[in-house]
Structure formats: C-alpha cells, structure tokens
Amino acid sequence: MFFDTTSPRGAEDGAIYVNNFFTANKNGYALEDSDLALVLGFRHNSIGFAFDDAIWAKYGAAIAENAKFTDPKTGKARISGASRTTRSPSAAFTSRSATCRRIGSPA
C-alpha cells in the first residue's frame, strides 16, 4: 500500500495514518507489522522528512522556508533535526520496527 504526502502537515498525517493502519490490522486481523507492506511517500513540500540530519544541517533553512515548515516552539523556520522530532513522520516508524530505506539506497 502506498500513502502519498505533499506538505509538512500531510507528512505528519500520513505517518499517523500509517501507524493507525498497523494498529488496526494487528487488533482487527491479528496481523503483525511484518505481514504488512507500506510505503509512505514524501514529495513536494514534505520531501524534507525523507532527508537525514546531514541534509538538514546543510539545506534546512531553504527546505523549511520553501515548505513553510516552522518549529512549533519558536515559530521560526526549522533548520535542523526535522527527522528526529517527536512529531515527525520518521518517529512513527521507530516504534513499528519498520525498515525505512530511501529509493536507491543499499539494502
């Protein structure tokens, strides 16, 4: 199954939806996470959530400005660590034992 996101809010909502999908399949059908195959796509203004901290350190200001992605605590453009925040899409996967891999990355 493929879930598509195009904005920072969409990335967050997509991650929540994917998490709910795992939970519903476990509770409703007794399926384990390993029984499911999901892809959460990030494009347009949500693409920043697919990048690691090294990319955010170098291009974070431009990514955040373009996506209008602000730190909720400061109200300013986030310039680093978006992939490590508790509200980020990647945070939803860490509790799911999912394997997150970028297209074209080594297995």
N, C-alpha and C. Protein backbone atom coordinates (compact mmCIF):
# COMPACT_ATOMS: atom_id res chain seq x y z
N MET A 1 0.85 -1.16 0.00
CA MET A 1 0.00 0.00 0.00
C MET A 1 0.90 1.23 0.00
N PHE A 2 0.49 2.24 -0.71
CA PHE A 2 1.26 3.47 -0.84
C PHE A 2 0.46 4.65 -0.31
N PHE A 3 1.06 5.41 0.59
CA PHE A 3 0.46 6.64 1.11
C PHE A 3 1.33 7.80 0.64
N ASP A 4 0.71 8.81 0.10
CA ASP A 4 1.42 9.93 -0.52
C ASP A 4 1.26 11.18 0.33
N THR A 5 2.33 11.96 0.46
CA THR A 5 2.26 13.23 1.19
C THR A 5 2.89 14.33 0.35
N THR A 6 2.38 15.55 0.52
CA THR A 6 2.91 16.68 -0.26
C THR A 6 3.18 17.92 0.58
N SER A 7 2.94 17.86 1.89
CA SER A 7 3.15 19.03 2.75
C SER A 7 3.66 18.57 4.10
N PRO A 8 4.23 19.47 4.91
CA PRO A 8 4.66 19.08 6.25
C PRO A 8 3.50 18.49 7.06
N ARG A 9 2.35 19.12 7.01
CA ARG A 9 1.19 18.60 7.73
C ARG A 9 0.76 17.24 7.16
N GLY A 10 0.82 17.12 5.84
CA GLY A 10 0.48 15.85 5.21
C GLY A 10 1.43 14.74 5.60
N ALA A 11 2.72 15.07 5.76
CA ALA A 11 3.70 14.08 6.20
C ALA A 11 3.36 13.59 7.60
N GLU A 12 3.01 14.52 8.47
CA GLU A 12 2.63 14.14 9.83
C GLU A 12 1.36 13.29 9.82
N ASP A 13 0.36 13.74 9.08
CA ASP A 13 -0.90 12.99 8.99
C ASP A 13 -0.68 11.62 8.37
N GLY A 14 0.19 11.56 7.35
CA GLY A 14 0.49 10.27 6.72
C GLY A 14 1.12 9.30 7.69
N ALA A 15 2.04 9.79 8.50
CA ALA A 15 2.69 8.93 9.49
C ALA A 15 1.69 8.43 10.53
N ILE A 16 0.79 9.30 10.94
CA ILE A 16 -0.24 8.90 11.90
C ILE A 16 -1.15 7.85 11.27
N TYR A 17 -1.54 8.06 10.01
CA TYR A 17 -2.40 7.12 9.32
C TYR A 17 -1.73 5.75 9.18
N VAL A 18 -0.44 5.76 8.82
CA VAL A 18 0.29 4.51 8.69
C VAL A 18 0.35 3.79 10.04
N ASN A 19 0.60 4.54 11.10
CA ASN A 19 0.63 3.95 12.44
C ASN A 19 -0.73 3.35 12.77
N ASN A 20 -1.81 4.06 12.46
CA ASN A 20 -3.16 3.53 12.69
C ASN A 20 -3.42 2.28 11.86
N PHE A 21 -2.89 2.25 10.64
CA PHE A 21 -3.05 1.10 9.76
C PHE A 21 -2.42 -0.14 10.39
N PHE A 22 -1.21 0.01 10.91
CA PHE A 22 -0.55 -1.10 11.61
C PHE A 22 -1.39 -1.56 12.80
N THR A 23 -1.82 -0.61 13.61
CA THR A 23 -2.58 -0.94 14.82
C THR A 23 -3.90 -1.62 14.49
N ALA A 24 -4.63 -1.09 13.51
CA ALA A 24 -5.93 -1.67 13.14
C ALA A 24 -5.77 -3.09 12.60
N ASN A 25 -4.74 -3.33 11.80
CA ASN A 25 -4.53 -4.67 11.27
C ASN A 25 -4.11 -5.66 12.35
N LYS A 26 -3.37 -5.19 13.34
CA LYS A 26 -2.98 -6.06 14.45
C LYS A 26 -4.19 -6.38 15.32
N ASN A 27 -4.95 -5.35 15.67
CA ASN A 27 -6.11 -5.55 16.56
C ASN A 27 -7.28 -6.22 15.86
N GLY A 28 -7.52 -5.87 14.61
CA GLY A 28 -8.69 -6.39 13.90
C GLY A 28 -8.48 -7.72 13.22
N TYR A 29 -7.25 -7.97 12.76
CA TYR A 29 -7.00 -9.18 11.96
C TYR A 29 -5.84 -10.02 12.48
N ALA A 30 -5.27 -9.65 13.61
CA ALA A 30 -4.14 -10.36 14.23
C ALA A 30 -2.92 -10.43 13.30
N LEU A 31 -2.76 -9.41 12.46
CA LEU A 31 -1.60 -9.34 11.58
C LEU A 31 -0.46 -8.62 12.29
N GLU A 32 0.73 -9.13 12.12
CA GLU A 32 1.92 -8.48 12.68
C GLU A 32 2.42 -7.44 11.69
N ASP A 33 3.25 -6.53 12.17
CA ASP A 33 3.82 -5.50 11.30
C ASP A 33 4.52 -6.12 10.10
N SER A 34 5.19 -7.23 10.33
CA SER A 34 5.94 -7.89 9.25
C SER A 34 5.02 -8.49 8.18
N ASP A 35 3.73 -8.61 8.46
CA ASP A 35 2.77 -9.13 7.49
C ASP A 35 2.29 -8.05 6.53
N LEU A 36 2.62 -6.81 6.79
CA LEU A 36 2.13 -5.68 6.01
C LEU A 36 3.26 -5.04 5.22
N ALA A 37 2.92 -4.49 4.08
CA ALA A 37 3.90 -3.78 3.27
C ALA A 37 3.34 -2.39 2.95
N LEU A 38 4.02 -1.37 3.42
CA LEU A 38 3.58 0.01 3.24
C LEU A 38 4.73 0.87 2.74
N VAL A 39 4.37 1.88 1.97
CA VAL A 39 5.33 2.89 1.57
C VAL A 39 4.68 4.24 1.87
N LEU A 40 5.40 5.09 2.58
CA LEU A 40 4.95 6.45 2.82
C LEU A 40 5.82 7.35 1.96
N GLY A 41 5.20 7.97 0.96
CA GLY A 41 5.94 8.80 0.02
C GLY A 41 5.97 10.25 0.45
N PHE A 42 7.11 10.87 0.25
CA PHE A 42 7.30 12.29 0.56
C PHE A 42 7.69 13.01 -0.74
N ARG A 43 6.89 13.98 -1.14
CA ARG A 43 7.23 14.76 -2.32
C ARG A 43 6.79 16.20 -2.11
N HIS A 44 7.19 17.03 -3.02
CA HIS A 44 6.91 18.47 -2.94
C HIS A 44 7.34 19.01 -1.58
N ASN A 45 6.46 19.63 -0.84
CA ASN A 45 6.85 20.29 0.41
C ASN A 45 7.02 19.34 1.60
N SER A 46 6.77 18.06 1.42
CA SER A 46 7.03 17.11 2.51
C SER A 46 8.37 16.40 2.33
N ILE A 47 9.07 16.66 1.24
CA ILE A 47 10.30 15.94 0.92
C ILE A 47 11.35 16.06 2.03
N GLY A 48 11.35 17.14 2.76
CA GLY A 48 12.32 17.32 3.83
C GLY A 48 12.30 16.22 4.87
N PHE A 49 11.16 15.57 5.06
CA PHE A 49 11.06 14.50 6.04
C PHE A 49 11.74 13.22 5.58
N ALA A 50 12.09 13.14 4.31
CA ALA A 50 12.81 11.98 3.81
C ALA A 50 14.32 12.14 3.98
N PHE A 51 14.78 13.34 4.35
CA PHE A 51 16.20 13.62 4.48
C PHE A 51 16.69 13.42 5.90
N ASP A 52 17.97 13.08 6.02
CA ASP A 52 18.56 12.91 7.34
C ASP A 52 19.11 14.25 7.86
N ASP A 53 19.67 14.22 9.06
CA ASP A 53 20.15 15.44 9.69
C ASP A 53 21.29 16.11 8.93
N ALA A 54 22.08 15.33 8.18
CA ALA A 54 23.18 15.93 7.42
C ALA A 54 22.62 16.87 6.34
N ILE A 55 21.58 16.47 5.67
CA ILE A 55 20.96 17.33 4.65
C ILE A 55 20.32 18.54 5.32
N TRP A 56 19.64 18.31 6.46
CA TRP A 56 19.01 19.43 7.16
C TRP A 56 20.05 20.43 7.65
N ALA A 57 21.22 19.94 8.07
CA ALA A 57 22.27 20.85 8.54
C ALA A 57 22.74 21.75 7.40
N LYS A 58 22.78 21.22 6.18
CA LYS A 58 23.28 21.99 5.05
C LYS A 58 22.19 22.82 4.37
N TYR A 59 21.00 22.25 4.21
CA TYR A 59 19.95 22.90 3.42
C TYR A 59 18.67 23.17 4.20
N GLY A 60 18.70 22.95 5.51
CA GLY A 60 17.49 23.04 6.32
C GLY A 60 16.76 24.36 6.22
N ALA A 61 17.48 25.47 6.22
CA ALA A 61 16.82 26.77 6.16
C ALA A 61 16.03 26.91 4.86
N ALA A 62 16.62 26.50 3.75
CA ALA A 62 15.93 26.60 2.45
C ALA A 62 14.75 25.63 2.38
N ILE A 63 14.95 24.42 2.88
CA ILE A 63 13.86 23.43 2.87
C ILE A 63 12.69 23.93 3.70
N ALA A 64 12.98 24.40 4.91
CA ALA A 64 11.93 24.87 5.81
C ALA A 64 11.22 26.10 5.26
N GLU A 65 11.98 27.01 4.69
CA GLU A 65 11.37 28.22 4.13
C GLU A 65 10.46 27.87 2.96
N ASN A 66 10.93 27.02 2.06
CA ASN A 66 10.15 26.63 0.90
C ASN A 66 8.87 25.90 1.32
N ALA A 67 8.96 25.02 2.31
CA ALA A 67 7.81 24.23 2.76
C ALA A 67 6.96 24.98 3.78
N LYS A 68 7.42 26.14 4.20
CA LYS A 68 6.74 26.89 5.27
C LYS A 68 6.57 26.02 6.51
N PHE A 69 7.67 25.34 6.85
CA PHE A 69 7.71 24.43 7.99
C PHE A 69 8.39 25.13 9.14
N THR A 70 7.66 25.41 10.19
CA THR A 70 8.20 26.13 11.33
C THR A 70 8.25 25.25 12.57
N ASP A 71 9.16 25.59 13.44
CA ASP A 71 9.26 24.93 14.73
C ASP A 71 8.09 25.42 15.58
N PRO A 72 7.24 24.52 16.07
CA PRO A 72 6.08 24.96 16.84
C PRO A 72 6.45 25.71 18.13
N LYS A 73 7.64 25.47 18.66
CA LYS A 73 8.06 26.13 19.89
C LYS A 73 8.51 27.56 19.65
N THR A 74 9.21 27.79 18.52
CA THR A 74 9.77 29.12 18.27
C THR A 74 9.01 29.90 17.22
N GLY A 75 8.26 29.21 16.37
CA GLY A 75 7.57 29.87 15.28
C GLY A 75 8.48 30.23 14.12
N LYS A 76 9.75 29.86 14.22
CA LYS A 76 10.73 30.15 13.16
C LYS A 76 10.93 28.92 12.29
N ALA A 77 11.48 29.15 11.10
CA ALA A 77 11.77 28.03 10.20
C ALA A 77 12.72 27.06 10.87
N ARG A 78 12.39 25.79 10.80
CA ARG A 78 13.26 24.76 11.38
C ARG A 78 14.45 24.60 10.46
N ILE A 79 15.65 24.57 11.04
CA ILE A 79 16.84 24.46 10.21
C ILE A 79 17.62 23.18 10.46
N SER A 80 17.22 22.37 11.42
CA SER A 80 17.90 21.09 11.61
C SER A 80 17.03 20.15 12.42
N GLY A 81 17.32 18.87 12.29
CA GLY A 81 16.70 17.87 13.13
C GLY A 81 15.25 17.53 12.86
N ALA A 82 14.72 17.87 11.72
CA ALA A 82 13.31 17.56 11.45
C ALA A 82 13.03 16.08 11.50
N SER A 83 14.01 15.26 11.13
CA SER A 83 13.78 13.82 11.13
C SER A 83 13.86 13.21 12.51
N ARG A 84 14.20 14.01 13.50
CA ARG A 84 14.34 13.50 14.87
C ARG A 84 13.29 14.02 15.84
N THR A 85 12.40 14.87 15.38
CA THR A 85 11.41 15.42 16.28
C THR A 85 10.35 14.38 16.61
N THR A 86 9.76 14.50 17.77
CA THR A 86 8.76 13.52 18.18
C THR A 86 7.51 13.58 17.33
N ARG A 87 7.27 14.70 16.66
CA ARG A 87 6.09 14.82 15.82
C ARG A 87 6.39 14.54 14.34
N SER A 88 7.61 14.12 14.06
CA SER A 88 7.96 13.89 12.66
C SER A 88 7.47 12.53 12.19
N PRO A 89 7.25 12.38 10.89
CA PRO A 89 6.83 11.10 10.35
C PRO A 89 7.77 9.96 10.69
N SER A 90 9.07 10.19 10.68
CA SER A 90 10.00 9.10 10.97
C SER A 90 9.84 8.59 12.39
N ALA A 91 9.39 9.43 13.32
CA ALA A 91 9.19 9.00 14.70
C ALA A 91 8.11 7.94 14.79
N ALA A 92 7.11 7.99 13.93
CA ALA A 92 6.04 6.99 13.96
C ALA A 92 6.56 5.61 13.60
N PHE A 93 7.61 5.55 12.79
CA PHE A 93 8.11 4.25 12.36
C PHE A 93 9.05 3.61 13.35
N THR A 94 9.70 4.40 14.19
CA THR A 94 10.68 3.82 15.10
C THR A 94 10.03 2.85 16.07
N SER A 95 8.78 3.09 16.43
CA SER A 95 8.11 2.18 17.34
C SER A 95 7.50 0.99 16.61
N ARG A 96 7.57 0.98 15.30
CA ARG A 96 6.94 -0.07 14.49
C ARG A 96 7.94 -1.08 13.94
N SER A 97 9.19 -0.95 14.27
CA SER A 97 10.22 -1.85 13.77
C SER A 97 10.24 -1.90 12.25
N ALA A 98 9.88 -0.82 11.63
CA ALA A 98 9.88 -0.77 10.17
C ALA A 98 11.28 -0.53 9.65
N THR A 99 11.52 -0.97 8.47
CA THR A 99 12.77 -0.67 7.80
C THR A 99 12.53 0.50 6.86
N CYS A 100 13.15 1.62 7.16
CA CYS A 100 12.99 2.80 6.33
C CYS A 100 14.21 2.89 5.41
N ARG A 101 13.97 2.89 4.11
CA ARG A 101 15.06 2.93 3.17
C ARG A 101 14.70 3.85 2.04
N ARG A 102 15.62 4.68 1.65
CA ARG A 102 15.39 5.56 0.51
C ARG A 102 15.57 4.78 -0.77
N ILE A 103 14.81 5.14 -1.77
CA ILE A 103 14.94 4.50 -3.08
C ILE A 103 16.36 4.71 -3.56
N GLY A 104 16.97 3.63 -3.99
CA GLY A 104 18.34 3.70 -4.49
C GLY A 104 19.39 3.52 -3.42
N SER A 105 18.98 3.38 -2.15
CA SER A 105 19.98 3.18 -1.10
C SER A 105 20.30 1.70 -0.99
N PRO A 106 21.46 1.37 -0.45
CA PRO A 106 21.83 -0.05 -0.30
C PRO A 106 20.86 -0.75 0.64
N ALA A 107 20.65 -2.01 0.43
CA ALA A 107 19.73 -2.81 1.26
C ALA A 107 20.24 -2.97 2.66
